[in-house]
Amino acid sequence: MIPLRDTIQSRNYPVVRNALIAVNILVFLWELFRGPDLQRTFTLYGIVPVRYSNPEIALHFSFFEQIVPFFTSIFLHGGFFHLLGNMWFLYIFGDNVEDRLGSFRFFVFYLLSGFAAGLIHLVSNWNSQLPTIGASGAIAGVMGAYFLFYPRARILTMVPIFFFPFFFELPAFFFLGYWI
């Protein structure tokens, strides 16, 4: 299911939503030029649970170096479609949440949603050595807020069935339930 638009009109221009999309795209372009250093970038700026769970490894990182990845990981993406999916959902749902919260609170909410998702991932994958990157946790927070704020909204959705696109206007609660 691919959301195309919602039925709620924004009253204000979504400055922060658009800035977040732009920053994510710029960071992705920067990633493309990292070459062989890309994996090191993901390891340094992504969330690597073993960095926290193994005391011998944790000792090599300052408190600041332990906290920063919870925010930097939100802006890194593992590929074009990873970025596209996250930014598309931010584009569809972020404007209304920013409209409701205001720009500054939306920005803080976005960062805290990503931070919370990082903590949940850390706790549930305590000994993983793989870096976690992407805005999916922050986007999940935005989508959750959208459905709390606009439970009666409808989402124009494309559902491809056997190469044929079908279009449905689905209730927001149904879309969220399916997405989860």
N, C-alpha and C. Protein backbone atom coordinates (compact mmCIF):
# COMPACT_ATOMS: atom_id res chain seq x y z
N MET A 1 0.85 -1.18 0.00
CA MET A 1 0.00 0.00 0.00
C MET A 1 0.89 1.23 0.00
N ILE A 2 0.58 2.13 -0.89
CA ILE A 2 1.38 3.36 -1.01
C ILE A 2 0.45 4.55 -0.82
N PRO A 3 0.66 5.33 0.25
CA PRO A 3 -0.19 6.51 0.44
C PRO A 3 0.16 7.58 -0.60
N LEU A 4 -0.87 8.20 -1.15
CA LEU A 4 -0.65 9.24 -2.16
C LEU A 4 -0.92 10.63 -1.60
N ARG A 5 -1.93 10.74 -0.76
CA ARG A 5 -2.23 12.01 -0.09
C ARG A 5 -3.28 11.74 0.97
N ASP A 6 -3.45 12.71 1.84
CA ASP A 6 -4.51 12.59 2.84
C ASP A 6 -5.58 13.64 2.55
N THR A 7 -6.65 13.60 3.34
CA THR A 7 -7.77 14.51 3.10
C THR A 7 -7.73 15.75 3.98
N ILE A 8 -6.69 15.91 4.78
CA ILE A 8 -6.58 17.04 5.69
C ILE A 8 -5.68 18.11 5.06
N GLN A 9 -6.21 19.30 4.91
CA GLN A 9 -5.43 20.42 4.37
C GLN A 9 -4.63 21.09 5.48
N SER A 10 -3.38 21.37 5.22
CA SER A 10 -2.56 22.11 6.18
C SER A 10 -2.89 23.59 6.08
N ARG A 11 -2.85 24.26 7.22
CA ARG A 11 -3.08 25.70 7.24
C ARG A 11 -1.79 26.47 7.03
N ASN A 12 -0.68 25.88 7.45
CA ASN A 12 0.61 26.57 7.40
C ASN A 12 1.60 25.80 6.52
N TYR A 13 2.57 26.53 6.00
CA TYR A 13 3.62 25.91 5.20
C TYR A 13 4.50 25.05 6.11
N PRO A 14 4.75 23.79 5.77
CA PRO A 14 5.51 22.88 6.64
C PRO A 14 7.03 23.08 6.52
N VAL A 15 7.53 24.11 7.15
CA VAL A 15 8.94 24.47 7.06
C VAL A 15 9.84 23.35 7.58
N VAL A 16 9.55 22.83 8.75
CA VAL A 16 10.41 21.82 9.35
C VAL A 16 10.33 20.51 8.58
N ARG A 17 9.13 20.11 8.19
CA ARG A 17 9.00 18.88 7.40
C ARG A 17 9.88 18.97 6.15
N ASN A 18 9.77 20.07 5.43
CA ASN A 18 10.55 20.23 4.21
C ASN A 18 12.05 20.30 4.50
N ALA A 19 12.42 20.95 5.60
CA ALA A 19 13.84 21.02 5.97
C ALA A 19 14.37 19.63 6.33
N LEU A 20 13.58 18.84 7.04
CA LEU A 20 14.01 17.48 7.38
C LEU A 20 14.21 16.64 6.12
N ILE A 21 13.29 16.76 5.18
CA ILE A 21 13.43 16.03 3.92
C ILE A 21 14.71 16.47 3.20
N ALA A 22 14.94 17.78 3.14
CA ALA A 22 16.13 18.30 2.46
C ALA A 22 17.41 17.82 3.14
N VAL A 23 17.46 17.86 4.46
CA VAL A 23 18.66 17.43 5.18
C VAL A 23 18.90 15.94 4.95
N ASN A 24 17.84 15.13 5.00
CA ASN A 24 18.00 13.70 4.75
C ASN A 24 18.55 13.43 3.35
N ILE A 25 18.06 14.17 2.37
CA ILE A 25 18.55 14.00 1.00
C ILE A 25 20.01 14.42 0.90
N LEU A 26 20.36 15.54 1.52
CA LEU A 26 21.75 16.00 1.49
C LEU A 26 22.69 15.01 2.17
N VAL A 27 22.27 14.46 3.30
CA VAL A 27 23.10 13.47 3.99
C VAL A 27 23.25 12.22 3.12
N PHE A 28 22.18 11.82 2.45
CA PHE A 28 22.27 10.66 1.57
C PHE A 28 23.24 10.92 0.42
N LEU A 29 23.20 12.11 -0.15
CA LEU A 29 24.15 12.45 -1.21
C LEU A 29 25.58 12.41 -0.68
N TRP A 30 25.78 12.88 0.54
CA TRP A 30 27.09 12.81 1.18
C TRP A 30 27.52 11.35 1.34
N GLU A 31 26.57 10.48 1.73
CA GLU A 31 26.87 9.05 1.87
C GLU A 31 27.39 8.46 0.56
N LEU A 32 26.80 8.89 -0.55
CA LEU A 32 27.18 8.35 -1.86
C LEU A 32 28.66 8.59 -2.17
N PHE A 33 29.23 9.63 -1.59
CA PHE A 33 30.62 9.95 -1.85
C PHE A 33 31.57 9.41 -0.77
N ARG A 34 31.04 8.67 0.17
CA ARG A 34 31.88 8.12 1.24
C ARG A 34 32.71 6.94 0.76
N GLY A 35 32.28 6.29 -0.28
CA GLY A 35 33.03 5.15 -0.83
C GLY A 35 33.25 4.07 0.20
N PRO A 36 34.51 3.61 0.32
CA PRO A 36 34.79 2.52 1.26
C PRO A 36 34.61 2.93 2.73
N ASP A 37 34.53 4.21 3.01
CA ASP A 37 34.34 4.68 4.39
C ASP A 37 32.88 4.65 4.82
N LEU A 38 31.97 4.27 3.94
CA LEU A 38 30.55 4.32 4.27
C LEU A 38 30.20 3.41 5.45
N GLN A 39 30.73 2.19 5.46
CA GLN A 39 30.43 1.28 6.57
C GLN A 39 30.95 1.85 7.88
N ARG A 40 32.11 2.46 7.85
CA ARG A 40 32.66 3.11 9.06
C ARG A 40 31.75 4.25 9.51
N THR A 41 31.23 5.01 8.55
CA THR A 41 30.29 6.10 8.86
C THR A 41 29.06 5.54 9.55
N PHE A 42 28.50 4.46 9.02
CA PHE A 42 27.32 3.84 9.63
C PHE A 42 27.63 3.34 11.04
N THR A 43 28.83 2.80 11.22
CA THR A 43 29.22 2.28 12.54
C THR A 43 29.42 3.41 13.54
N LEU A 44 30.00 4.52 13.11
CA LEU A 44 30.24 5.65 14.02
C LEU A 44 28.97 6.42 14.34
N TYR A 45 28.12 6.63 13.34
CA TYR A 45 26.96 7.49 13.51
C TYR A 45 25.64 6.74 13.61
N GLY A 46 25.67 5.43 13.43
CA GLY A 46 24.48 4.61 13.64
C GLY A 46 24.47 4.07 15.06
N ILE A 47 23.39 3.43 15.43
CA ILE A 47 23.29 2.83 16.77
C ILE A 47 23.77 1.38 16.67
N VAL A 48 24.85 1.08 17.37
CA VAL A 48 25.41 -0.27 17.41
C VAL A 48 25.23 -0.77 18.84
N PRO A 49 24.24 -1.63 19.10
CA PRO A 49 23.92 -2.03 20.48
C PRO A 49 25.10 -2.55 21.29
N VAL A 50 26.00 -3.33 20.69
CA VAL A 50 27.11 -3.88 21.45
C VAL A 50 28.01 -2.77 22.01
N ARG A 51 27.97 -1.60 21.41
CA ARG A 51 28.73 -0.46 21.89
C ARG A 51 28.26 -0.06 23.31
N TYR A 52 27.05 -0.42 23.66
CA TYR A 52 26.48 -0.08 24.96
C TYR A 52 26.47 -1.29 25.89
N SER A 53 26.27 -2.48 25.33
CA SER A 53 26.09 -3.68 26.15
C SER A 53 27.41 -4.31 26.59
N ASN A 54 28.47 -4.10 25.86
CA ASN A 54 29.76 -4.69 26.19
C ASN A 54 30.63 -3.63 26.87
N PRO A 55 30.89 -3.80 28.17
CA PRO A 55 31.66 -2.78 28.91
C PRO A 55 33.04 -2.51 28.31
N GLU A 56 33.69 -3.53 27.77
CA GLU A 56 35.02 -3.33 27.19
C GLU A 56 34.96 -2.41 25.97
N ILE A 57 33.89 -2.50 25.22
CA ILE A 57 33.72 -1.63 24.05
C ILE A 57 33.23 -0.26 24.49
N ALA A 58 32.28 -0.25 25.43
CA ALA A 58 31.68 1.01 25.90
C ALA A 58 32.72 1.96 26.48
N LEU A 59 33.77 1.42 27.09
CA LEU A 59 34.81 2.26 27.69
C LEU A 59 35.54 3.13 26.67
N HIS A 60 35.50 2.74 25.41
CA HIS A 60 36.21 3.49 24.37
C HIS A 60 35.42 4.69 23.85
N PHE A 61 34.20 4.88 24.36
CA PHE A 61 33.35 5.96 23.87
C PHE A 61 32.96 6.87 25.02
N SER A 62 33.06 8.17 24.79
CA SER A 62 32.63 9.14 25.80
C SER A 62 31.10 9.16 25.87
N PHE A 63 30.57 9.79 26.89
CA PHE A 63 29.11 9.92 27.01
C PHE A 63 28.54 10.60 25.77
N PHE A 64 29.20 11.64 25.32
CA PHE A 64 28.76 12.36 24.12
C PHE A 64 28.73 11.43 22.90
N GLU A 65 29.80 10.64 22.75
CA GLU A 65 29.87 9.70 21.61
C GLU A 65 28.84 8.59 21.70
N GLN A 66 28.34 8.33 22.90
CA GLN A 66 27.29 7.33 23.08
C GLN A 66 25.90 7.90 22.77
N ILE A 67 25.71 9.19 23.01
CA ILE A 67 24.40 9.82 22.79
C ILE A 67 24.21 10.26 21.35
N VAL A 68 25.23 10.82 20.74
CA VAL A 68 25.12 11.39 19.39
C VAL A 68 24.49 10.43 18.37
N PRO A 69 24.86 9.13 18.34
CA PRO A 69 24.27 8.25 17.33
C PRO A 69 22.74 8.13 17.40
N PHE A 70 22.16 8.38 18.56
CA PHE A 70 20.70 8.31 18.66
C PHE A 70 20.04 9.40 17.82
N PHE A 71 20.78 10.43 17.51
CA PHE A 71 20.26 11.51 16.66
C PHE A 71 20.81 11.43 15.24
N THR A 72 22.10 11.15 15.10
CA THR A 72 22.68 11.10 13.75
C THR A 72 22.15 9.93 12.94
N SER A 73 21.83 8.82 13.61
CA SER A 73 21.34 7.64 12.88
C SER A 73 20.03 7.93 12.15
N ILE A 74 19.27 8.90 12.64
CA ILE A 74 17.98 9.26 12.05
C ILE A 74 18.16 9.83 10.64
N PHE A 75 19.32 10.36 10.35
CA PHE A 75 19.54 11.03 9.07
C PHE A 75 20.34 10.18 8.07
N LEU A 76 20.74 8.99 8.49
CA LEU A 76 21.47 8.08 7.59
C LEU A 76 20.51 7.06 7.00
N HIS A 77 20.73 6.68 5.76
CA HIS A 77 19.88 5.68 5.11
C HIS A 77 20.73 4.69 4.34
N GLY A 78 20.27 3.44 4.32
CA GLY A 78 21.03 2.36 3.71
C GLY A 78 20.89 2.22 2.21
N GLY A 79 20.08 3.04 1.59
CA GLY A 79 19.90 2.96 0.15
C GLY A 79 18.84 3.94 -0.31
N PHE A 80 18.73 4.08 -1.62
CA PHE A 80 17.80 5.04 -2.20
C PHE A 80 16.35 4.75 -1.80
N PHE A 81 15.93 3.49 -1.88
CA PHE A 81 14.53 3.17 -1.57
C PHE A 81 14.24 3.29 -0.08
N HIS A 82 15.24 3.06 0.76
CA HIS A 82 15.10 3.28 2.20
C HIS A 82 14.80 4.76 2.45
N LEU A 83 15.60 5.61 1.83
CA LEU A 83 15.40 7.06 1.94
C LEU A 83 14.05 7.47 1.35
N LEU A 84 13.75 6.99 0.15
CA LEU A 84 12.51 7.37 -0.54
C LEU A 84 11.28 7.00 0.28
N GLY A 85 11.24 5.80 0.81
CA GLY A 85 10.10 5.37 1.62
C GLY A 85 9.91 6.24 2.85
N ASN A 86 10.99 6.47 3.58
CA ASN A 86 10.88 7.29 4.79
C ASN A 86 10.47 8.73 4.47
N MET A 87 11.08 9.31 3.45
CA MET A 87 10.77 10.70 3.13
C MET A 87 9.37 10.84 2.53
N TRP A 88 8.91 9.84 1.81
CA TRP A 88 7.55 9.89 1.26
C TRP A 88 6.52 9.91 2.40
N PHE A 89 6.69 9.03 3.38
CA PHE A 89 5.75 9.00 4.51
C PHE A 89 5.84 10.29 5.32
N LEU A 90 7.05 10.83 5.47
CA LEU A 90 7.19 12.12 6.15
C LEU A 90 6.47 13.21 5.37
N TYR A 91 6.60 13.18 4.05
CA TYR A 91 5.94 14.16 3.19
C TYR A 91 4.41 14.08 3.33
N ILE A 92 3.86 12.89 3.31
CA ILE A 92 2.41 12.70 3.36
C ILE A 92 1.85 13.08 4.73
N PHE A 93 2.48 12.66 5.80
CA PHE A 93 1.89 12.81 7.14
C PHE A 93 2.50 13.94 7.97
N GLY A 94 3.71 14.37 7.65
CA GLY A 94 4.40 15.35 8.48
C GLY A 94 3.81 16.74 8.47
N ASP A 95 3.24 17.16 7.34
CA ASP A 95 2.71 18.53 7.27
C ASP A 95 1.59 18.76 8.26
N ASN A 96 0.70 17.78 8.40
CA ASN A 96 -0.43 17.95 9.32
C ASN A 96 0.01 17.89 10.78
N VAL A 97 0.97 17.03 11.07
CA VAL A 97 1.46 16.95 12.45
C VAL A 97 2.20 18.24 12.81
N GLU A 98 2.99 18.76 11.88
CA GLU A 98 3.66 20.04 12.12
C GLU A 98 2.64 21.15 12.29
N ASP A 99 1.59 21.12 11.50
CA ASP A 99 0.51 22.10 11.60
C ASP A 99 -0.10 22.09 13.00
N ARG A 100 -0.33 20.91 13.54
CA ARG A 100 -0.96 20.76 14.85
C ARG A 100 -0.02 21.12 15.98
N LEU A 101 1.24 20.69 15.88
CA LEU A 101 2.19 20.92 16.98
C LEU A 101 2.90 22.26 16.91
N GLY A 102 3.01 22.82 15.72
CA GLY A 102 3.86 23.98 15.52
C GLY A 102 5.24 23.49 15.10
N SER A 103 5.98 24.34 14.43
CA SER A 103 7.25 23.92 13.84
C SER A 103 8.29 23.46 14.85
N PHE A 104 8.51 24.24 15.90
CA PHE A 104 9.54 23.88 16.88
C PHE A 104 9.19 22.59 17.60
N ARG A 105 7.95 22.47 18.08
CA ARG A 105 7.54 21.26 18.79
C ARG A 105 7.56 20.04 17.87
N PHE A 106 7.22 20.24 16.60
CA PHE A 106 7.29 19.14 15.64
C PHE A 106 8.73 18.65 15.50
N PHE A 107 9.67 19.58 15.38
CA PHE A 107 11.08 19.21 15.26
C PHE A 107 11.54 18.42 16.48
N VAL A 108 11.21 18.90 17.67
CA VAL A 108 11.59 18.21 18.90
C VAL A 108 10.92 16.83 18.95
N PHE A 109 9.64 16.78 18.59
CA PHE A 109 8.91 15.52 18.58
C PHE A 109 9.55 14.51 17.63
N TYR A 110 9.93 14.97 16.46
CA TYR A 110 10.58 14.12 15.45
C TYR A 110 11.88 13.53 16.02
N LEU A 111 12.71 14.38 16.59
CA LEU A 111 13.98 13.91 17.15
C LEU A 111 13.75 12.95 18.32
N LEU A 112 12.80 13.27 19.20
CA LEU A 112 12.53 12.40 20.34
C LEU A 112 11.94 11.06 19.90
N SER A 113 11.13 11.07 18.85
CA SER A 113 10.59 9.81 18.32
C SER A 113 11.72 8.93 17.80
N GLY A 114 12.64 9.53 17.07
CA GLY A 114 13.80 8.78 16.59
C GLY A 114 14.66 8.27 17.73
N PHE A 115 14.85 9.11 18.75
CA PHE A 115 15.63 8.73 19.93
C PHE A 115 14.97 7.55 20.64
N ALA A 116 13.65 7.63 20.86
CA ALA A 116 12.91 6.56 21.53
C ALA A 116 13.00 5.26 20.73
N ALA A 117 12.86 5.36 19.42
CA ALA A 117 12.97 4.16 18.57
C ALA A 117 14.36 3.55 18.68
N GLY A 118 15.37 4.40 18.76
CA GLY A 118 16.74 3.91 18.93
C GLY A 118 16.91 3.17 20.25
N LEU A 119 16.33 3.71 21.31
CA LEU A 119 16.40 3.04 22.62
C LEU A 119 15.69 1.69 22.59
N ILE A 120 14.52 1.66 21.97
CA ILE A 120 13.77 0.40 21.87
C ILE A 120 14.58 -0.62 21.08
N HIS A 121 15.18 -0.19 20.00
CA HIS A 121 16.02 -1.10 19.22
C HIS A 121 17.21 -1.59 20.05
N LEU A 122 17.83 -0.69 20.77
CA LEU A 122 18.98 -1.04 21.60
C LEU A 122 18.60 -2.12 22.61
N VAL A 123 17.50 -1.92 23.31
CA VAL A 123 17.08 -2.86 24.35
C VAL A 123 16.67 -4.20 23.75
N SER A 124 16.03 -4.18 22.60
CA SER A 124 15.53 -5.43 22.02
C SER A 124 16.59 -6.17 21.19
N ASN A 125 17.72 -5.55 20.94
CA ASN A 125 18.81 -6.19 20.18
C ASN A 125 20.14 -5.96 20.90
N TRP A 126 20.15 -6.21 22.17
CA TRP A 126 21.19 -5.80 23.09
C TRP A 126 22.61 -6.15 22.66
N ASN A 127 22.82 -7.28 22.05
CA ASN A 127 24.19 -7.70 21.70
C ASN A 127 24.51 -7.60 20.21
N SER A 128 23.65 -6.94 19.45
CA SER A 128 23.88 -6.83 18.01
C SER A 128 25.11 -5.99 17.70
N GLN A 129 25.86 -6.42 16.71
CA GLN A 129 27.03 -5.68 16.26
C GLN A 129 26.75 -4.87 15.00
N LEU A 130 25.51 -4.93 14.52
CA LEU A 130 25.14 -4.24 13.29
C LEU A 130 24.63 -2.83 13.58
N PRO A 131 25.08 -1.85 12.83
CA PRO A 131 24.57 -0.49 13.02
C PRO A 131 23.13 -0.37 12.53
N THR A 132 22.34 0.36 13.29
CA THR A 132 20.97 0.66 12.90
C THR A 132 20.93 2.10 12.44
N ILE A 133 20.36 2.30 11.25
CA ILE A 133 20.26 3.64 10.68
C ILE A 133 18.88 3.83 10.09
N GLY A 134 18.51 5.07 9.87
CA GLY A 134 17.26 5.39 9.19
C GLY A 134 16.29 6.16 10.06
N ALA A 135 15.36 6.80 9.38
CA ALA A 135 14.37 7.65 10.04
C ALA A 135 13.09 6.91 10.36
N SER A 136 13.05 5.59 10.18
CA SER A 136 11.80 4.84 10.35
C SER A 136 11.17 5.05 11.72
N GLY A 137 11.96 5.08 12.77
CA GLY A 137 11.41 5.30 14.11
C GLY A 137 10.80 6.67 14.27
N ALA A 138 11.48 7.69 13.75
CA ALA A 138 10.94 9.05 13.79
C ALA A 138 9.66 9.14 12.96
N ILE A 139 9.65 8.47 11.80
CA ILE A 139 8.47 8.48 10.93
C ILE A 139 7.33 7.75 11.62
N ALA A 140 7.62 6.66 12.31
CA ALA A 140 6.58 5.95 13.06
C ALA A 140 5.95 6.87 14.10
N GLY A 141 6.77 7.67 14.77
CA GLY A 141 6.24 8.64 15.73
C GLY A 141 5.33 9.66 15.06
N VAL A 142 5.75 10.15 13.90
CA VAL A 142 4.94 11.13 13.15
C VAL A 142 3.62 10.49 12.74
N MET A 143 3.67 9.25 12.26
CA MET A 143 2.44 8.58 11.85
C MET A 143 1.53 8.32 13.04
N GLY A 144 2.09 7.92 14.15
CA GLY A 144 1.28 7.73 15.36
C GLY A 144 0.60 9.01 15.78
N ALA A 145 1.34 10.12 15.75
CA ALA A 145 0.75 11.42 16.10
C ALA A 145 -0.35 11.79 15.11
N TYR A 146 -0.10 11.55 13.83
CA TYR A 146 -1.10 11.86 12.80
C TYR A 146 -2.41 11.15 13.10
N PHE A 147 -2.32 9.87 13.40
CA PHE A 147 -3.54 9.09 13.62
C PHE A 147 -4.21 9.42 14.94
N LEU A 148 -3.46 9.91 15.92
CA LEU A 148 -4.08 10.40 17.16
C LEU A 148 -4.78 11.74 16.91
N PHE A 149 -4.14 12.61 16.15
CA PHE A 149 -4.71 13.93 15.87
C PHE A 149 -5.85 13.89 14.85
N TYR A 150 -5.77 12.98 13.89
CA TYR A 150 -6.73 12.95 12.78
C TYR A 150 -7.29 11.54 12.56
N PRO A 151 -7.96 10.98 13.56
CA PRO A 151 -8.42 9.59 13.42
C PRO A 151 -9.48 9.41 12.33
N ARG A 152 -10.18 10.46 11.96
CA ARG A 152 -11.21 10.35 10.93
C ARG A 152 -10.71 10.70 9.53
N ALA A 153 -9.44 11.05 9.42
CA ALA A 153 -8.88 11.39 8.11
C ALA A 153 -8.92 10.16 7.20
N ARG A 154 -8.85 10.44 5.93
CA ARG A 154 -8.81 9.36 4.94
C ARG A 154 -7.53 9.52 4.12
N ILE A 155 -6.98 8.40 3.72
CA ILE A 155 -5.72 8.37 3.00
C ILE A 155 -5.97 7.77 1.61
N LEU A 156 -5.73 8.57 0.56
CA LEU A 156 -5.81 8.03 -0.79
C LEU A 156 -4.60 7.12 -0.97
N THR A 157 -4.87 5.86 -1.24
CA THR A 157 -3.84 4.84 -1.24
C THR A 157 -3.85 4.05 -2.54
N MET A 158 -2.67 3.82 -3.08
CA MET A 158 -2.55 2.94 -4.25
C MET A 158 -2.15 1.55 -3.77
N VAL A 159 -2.90 0.57 -4.23
CA VAL A 159 -2.61 -0.82 -3.89
C VAL A 159 -2.34 -1.56 -5.20
N PRO A 160 -1.09 -1.92 -5.46
CA PRO A 160 -0.80 -2.66 -6.69
C PRO A 160 -1.18 -4.13 -6.52
N ILE A 161 -2.02 -4.62 -7.42
CA ILE A 161 -2.44 -6.02 -7.40
C ILE A 161 -2.15 -6.60 -8.79
N PHE A 162 -1.22 -7.54 -8.83
CA PHE A 162 -0.83 -8.15 -10.11
C PHE A 162 -0.47 -7.10 -11.16
N PHE A 163 0.38 -6.18 -10.83
CA PHE A 163 0.86 -5.15 -11.76
C PHE A 163 -0.18 -4.08 -12.08
N PHE A 164 -1.37 -4.17 -11.53
CA PHE A 164 -2.42 -3.19 -11.80
C PHE A 164 -2.60 -2.31 -10.57
N PRO A 165 -2.57 -1.00 -10.73
CA PRO A 165 -2.77 -0.12 -9.57
C PRO A 165 -4.27 0.08 -9.29
N PHE A 166 -4.65 -0.14 -8.06
CA PHE A 166 -6.01 0.13 -7.61
C PHE A 166 -5.92 1.24 -6.58
N PHE A 167 -6.88 2.15 -6.60
CA PHE A 167 -6.86 3.30 -5.71
C PHE A 167 -8.04 3.23 -4.75
N PHE A 168 -7.74 3.43 -3.47
CA PHE A 168 -8.76 3.39 -2.43
C PHE A 168 -8.55 4.56 -1.50
N GLU A 169 -9.63 5.08 -0.97
CA GLU A 169 -9.54 6.09 0.08
C GLU A 169 -9.81 5.36 1.39
N LEU A 170 -8.75 5.11 2.13
CA LEU A 170 -8.84 4.30 3.34
C LEU A 170 -8.89 5.17 4.58
N PRO A 171 -9.63 4.73 5.61
CA PRO A 171 -9.61 5.46 6.88
C PRO A 171 -8.20 5.41 7.48
N ALA A 172 -7.81 6.49 8.11
CA ALA A 172 -6.47 6.58 8.68
C ALA A 172 -6.18 5.44 9.66
N PHE A 173 -7.15 5.09 10.49
CA PHE A 173 -6.92 4.03 11.47
C PHE A 173 -6.65 2.68 10.78
N PHE A 174 -7.29 2.45 9.65
CA PHE A 174 -7.05 1.21 8.90
C PHE A 174 -5.64 1.21 8.32
N PHE A 175 -5.26 2.34 7.76
CA PHE A 175 -3.93 2.45 7.16
C PHE A 175 -2.85 2.22 8.22
N LEU A 176 -3.00 2.84 9.39
CA LEU A 176 -2.02 2.66 10.47
C LEU A 176 -1.99 1.21 10.91
N GLY A 177 -3.16 0.60 11.09
CA GLY A 177 -3.22 -0.80 11.50
C GLY A 177 -2.51 -1.71 10.52
N TYR A 178 -2.67 -1.46 9.25
CA TYR A 178 -2.00 -2.26 8.23
C TYR A 178 -0.49 -2.00 8.24
N TRP A 179 -0.12 -0.74 8.40
CA TRP A 179 1.29 -0.36 8.38
C TRP A 179 2.06 -1.02 9.52
N ILE A 180 1.42 -1.09 10.70
CA ILE A 180 2.07 -1.69 11.87
C ILE A 180 2.26 -3.16 11.62
